[in-house]
Amino acid sequence: MSAGKSAQSVSRHTDAILDDLFDRQARSINPLVRKRLVHQFETRGANAGLFGPEFCGGDRTVVHHRRIKGWELHPSHFTGFDFVDVWLDE
């Protein structure tokens, strides 16, 4: 979805056609129509280079030394990387 419609749009793109396909599939109750719309959505997004296959699985391992203070683990790879409150305790 476009950045204006979703805060989770990490690519910050704007595409009214993708937004329309997403909204139409969300409202559709026919599984076949919905499958066709999702396929169109995925094809358009992939061809535009907005997303691709995910190779990292879904697991996320974060390791840091005990001297690192102020670090907060966030549930996403894309948010929470503000290091203003992080410091090294020596």
Protein backbone atom coordinates (compact mmCIF):
# COMPACT_ATOMS: atom_id res chain seq x y z
CA MET A 1 0.00 0.00 0.00
CA SER A 2 1.06 3.56 -0.57
CA ALA A 3 2.85 5.49 2.14
CA GLY A 4 -0.16 7.81 2.50
CA LYS A 5 -2.46 4.87 3.31
CA SER A 6 -0.19 2.80 5.54
CA ALA A 7 2.55 3.69 8.00
CA GLN A 8 4.05 0.25 7.33
CA SER A 9 4.98 1.15 3.75
CA VAL A 10 8.74 0.90 4.13
CA SER A 11 9.36 1.65 0.43
CA ARG A 12 7.56 5.02 0.75
CA HIS A 13 6.03 4.52 -2.70
CA THR A 14 2.71 5.83 -4.02
CA ASP A 15 0.68 3.71 -6.43
CA ALA A 16 -3.06 4.31 -6.72
CA ILE A 17 -3.56 1.11 -8.75
CA LEU A 18 -1.96 -1.04 -6.04
CA ASP A 19 -4.10 0.70 -3.43
CA ASP A 20 -7.23 -0.01 -5.49
CA LEU A 21 -6.31 -3.68 -5.98
CA PHE A 22 -5.68 -4.05 -2.25
CA ASP A 23 -8.98 -2.41 -1.31
CA ARG A 24 -10.95 -4.47 -3.86
CA GLN A 25 -9.49 -7.79 -2.66
CA ALA A 26 -10.14 -6.81 0.97
CA ARG A 27 -13.83 -6.23 0.19
CA SER A 28 -14.30 -9.26 -2.05
CA ILE A 29 -16.07 -12.29 -0.57
CA ASN A 30 -15.52 -14.49 -3.63
CA PRO A 31 -12.30 -16.51 -3.08
CA LEU A 32 -11.58 -16.81 -6.81
CA VAL A 33 -11.95 -13.08 -7.44
CA ARG A 34 -9.84 -12.35 -4.38
CA LYS A 35 -7.10 -14.74 -5.54
CA ARG A 36 -7.03 -13.05 -8.96
CA LEU A 37 -6.79 -9.57 -7.40
CA VAL A 38 -4.01 -10.64 -5.01
CA HIS A 39 -2.10 -12.12 -7.94
CA GLN A 40 -2.44 -8.83 -9.86
CA PHE A 41 -1.32 -6.91 -6.75
CA GLU A 42 1.75 -9.11 -6.23
CA THR A 43 2.69 -9.04 -9.93
CA ARG A 44 2.44 -5.25 -10.14
CA GLY A 45 4.41 -4.72 -6.92
CA ALA A 46 7.14 -7.16 -7.89
CA ASN A 47 7.47 -5.74 -11.42
CA ALA A 48 7.78 -2.24 -9.97
CA GLY A 49 10.53 -3.44 -7.63
CA LEU A 50 8.56 -2.51 -4.50
CA PHE A 51 9.10 -5.89 -2.86
CA GLY A 52 10.62 -9.24 -3.59
CA PRO A 53 11.07 -12.64 -2.06
CA GLU A 54 12.12 -12.71 1.55
CA PHE A 55 15.17 -14.81 2.17
CA CYS A 56 15.72 -14.23 5.86
CA GLY A 57 12.86 -16.47 6.94
CA GLY A 58 11.19 -14.60 9.71
CA ASP A 59 13.53 -15.27 12.54
CA ARG A 60 15.51 -12.39 13.89
CA THR A 61 18.49 -12.82 16.16
CA VAL A 62 19.76 -9.76 18.01
CA VAL A 63 22.91 -10.17 20.06
CA HIS A 64 24.71 -7.44 21.92
CA HIS A 65 27.30 -7.13 24.64
CA ARG A 66 26.25 -6.67 28.27
CA ARG A 67 27.94 -3.25 28.32
CA ILE A 68 25.47 -1.86 25.74
CA LYS A 69 22.80 0.07 27.65
CA GLY A 70 19.56 1.70 26.57
CA TRP A 71 18.88 -0.72 23.71
CA GLU A 72 15.23 -1.69 23.20
CA LEU A 73 14.31 -4.64 21.01
CA HIS A 74 11.56 -3.80 18.52
CA PRO A 75 9.34 -6.31 16.72
CA SER A 76 10.38 -5.26 13.22
CA HIS A 77 13.52 -5.13 11.10
CA PHE A 78 12.44 -1.73 9.80
CA THR A 79 11.55 0.33 12.87
CA GLY A 80 13.10 1.28 16.15
CA PHE A 81 16.65 1.97 15.02
CA ASP A 82 16.99 5.22 16.93
CA PHE A 83 20.29 5.05 18.78
CA VAL A 84 19.93 8.35 20.66
CA ASP A 85 19.45 6.59 24.02
CA VAL A 86 22.02 3.83 23.45
CA TRP A 87 25.38 4.03 25.18
CA LEU A 88 28.37 1.86 26.05
CA ASP A 89 28.84 1.29 29.78
CA GLU A 90 32.53 0.99 30.55
